[in-house]
Protein backbone atom coordinates (compact mmCIF):
# COMPACT_ATOMS: atom_id res chain seq x y z
CA UNK A 1 0.00 -0.02 0.05
CA UNK A 2 1.25 3.33 -1.38
CA UNK A 3 0.24 6.85 -0.47
CA UNK A 4 1.10 10.08 -2.57
CA UNK A 5 3.30 12.57 -0.38
CA UNK A 6 0.96 15.70 -0.05
CA UNK A 7 -2.00 13.03 0.83
CA UNK A 8 -5.54 14.51 1.02
CA UNK A 9 -7.85 14.29 3.82
CA UNK A 10 -11.25 14.77 4.52
CA UNK A 11 -12.20 17.42 7.69
CA UNK A 12 -13.98 13.71 8.98
CA UNK A 13 -10.53 11.97 9.31
CA UNK A 14 -10.07 13.10 13.58
CA UNK A 15 -6.80 10.80 14.09
CA UNK A 16 -4.53 10.83 11.08
CA UNK A 17 -2.07 9.10 12.32
CA UNK A 18 -3.66 6.04 13.78
CA UNK A 19 -5.15 5.52 9.82
CA UNK A 20 -2.12 6.33 7.83
CA UNK A 21 -0.74 3.54 10.78
CA UNK A 22 -4.11 0.93 10.18
CA UNK A 23 -4.06 1.45 6.80
CA UNK A 24 -0.12 0.84 5.82
CA UNK A 25 -0.50 -2.33 7.76
CA UNK A 26 -3.95 -3.30 6.22
CA UNK A 27 -6.47 -3.10 8.89
CA UNK A 28 -9.78 -2.19 7.97
CA UNK A 29 -11.22 0.97 9.66
CA UNK A 30 -14.71 2.11 9.81
CA UNK A 31 -16.29 4.46 7.76
CA UNK A 32 -13.26 5.46 6.23
CA UNK A 33 -12.76 5.36 2.81
CA UNK A 34 -9.87 6.16 0.37
CA UNK A 35 -9.16 7.48 -3.00
CA UNK A 36 -7.12 5.55 -4.85
CA UNK A 37 -5.04 5.74 -7.77
CA UNK A 38 -4.69 2.44 -10.08
CA UNK A 39 -2.04 2.68 -13.19
CA UNK A 40 -3.92 -0.35 -14.96
CA UNK A 41 -7.02 1.12 -13.87
CA UNK A 42 -9.77 2.61 -16.71
CA UNK A 43 -10.56 5.05 -14.09
CA UNK A 44 -9.12 8.36 -12.98
CA UNK A 45 -9.75 7.06 -9.12
CA UNK A 46 -11.67 4.43 -7.52
CA UNK A 47 -13.31 5.28 -4.41
CA UNK A 48 -13.12 2.44 -1.76
CA UNK A 49 -14.13 1.47 1.94
CA UNK A 50 -10.89 0.99 3.51
CA UNK A 51 -13.00 -3.31 3.88
CA UNK A 52 -13.20 -2.63 0.05
CA UNK A 53 -9.49 -1.38 0.17
CA UNK A 54 -8.53 -4.87 1.43
CA UNK A 55 -10.30 -7.87 -0.02
CA UNK A 56 -8.30 -10.39 -2.12
CA UNK A 57 -9.90 -9.00 -4.74
CA UNK A 58 -7.96 -5.38 -4.99
CA UNK A 59 -5.38 -6.44 -2.13
CA UNK A 60 -3.59 -7.21 -5.76
CA UNK A 61 -4.48 -4.42 -7.60
CA UNK A 62 -1.49 -1.80 -6.11
CA UNK A 63 -3.14 0.96 -5.47
CA UNK A 64 -1.85 4.50 -4.80
CA UNK A 65 -4.09 6.55 -2.30
CA UNK A 66 -4.62 10.01 -2.65
CA UNK A 67 -7.46 11.16 -0.80
CA UNK A 68 -8.79 9.71 3.55
CA UNK A 69 -12.14 10.37 4.16
CA UNK A 70 -14.89 10.41 7.17
CA UNK A 71 -17.62 8.80 5.34
CA UNK A 72 -18.50 8.30 0.97
CA UNK A 73 -20.60 11.87 1.01
CA UNK A 74 -16.61 13.32 2.18
CA UNK A 75 -15.03 10.93 -0.27
CA UNK A 76 -17.27 12.57 -2.79
CA UNK A 77 -16.11 15.99 -1.33
CA UNK A 78 -12.90 15.49 -1.00
CA UNK A 79 -12.59 14.60 -4.66
CA UNK A 80 -14.12 17.28 -5.73
CA UNK A 81 -12.14 19.52 -4.41
CA UNK A 82 -9.16 17.66 -5.64
CA UNK A 83 -10.14 17.95 -9.35
CA UNK A 84 -11.26 21.89 -8.53
CA UNK A 85 -7.45 22.17 -6.62
CA UNK A 86 -5.79 20.68 -9.72
CA UNK A 87 -7.50 23.16 -12.14
CA UNK A 88 -7.02 26.07 -9.81
CA UNK A 89 -3.06 25.35 -10.35
CA UNK A 90 -3.18 25.55 -14.04
CA UNK A 91 -3.56 21.60 -15.00
CA UNK A 92 -5.65 19.81 -16.83
CA UNK A 93 -8.21 17.32 -15.67
CA UNK A 94 -6.67 14.48 -17.88
CA UNK A 95 -3.42 14.74 -15.83
CA UNK A 96 -4.62 14.59 -12.81
CA UNK A 97 -3.60 10.65 -12.13
CA UNK A 98 -0.58 10.91 -13.41
CA UNK A 99 0.41 14.32 -11.84
CA UNK A 100 -0.77 13.16 -8.56
CA UNK A 101 1.29 9.74 -8.77
CA UNK A 102 4.41 11.82 -9.78
CA UNK A 103 3.81 14.42 -6.76
CA UNK A 104 2.95 17.28 -8.78
CA UNK A 105 -0.40 18.21 -7.38
């Protein structure tokens, strides 16, 4: 499990250190959703609960976590913020996946 350097974190995530520790070790956390990047996916992002992230099907996909949120609604809000932030910085929306992976956002 990898994380981008400047990970986006939703306002509802109270204890980021514990969340980060648990995710690094494959421990699901109730109501924590991750905004993930996967090079081999046709999707720009996948929003997965931490439980979904550690299923046999998904653990093999080598996701890179770009955002962490408390609940699915906050994950959608955070994803919207991530896209707006990159556009405001002058980046093309089509390049967001690559820019996040390379640490340019």
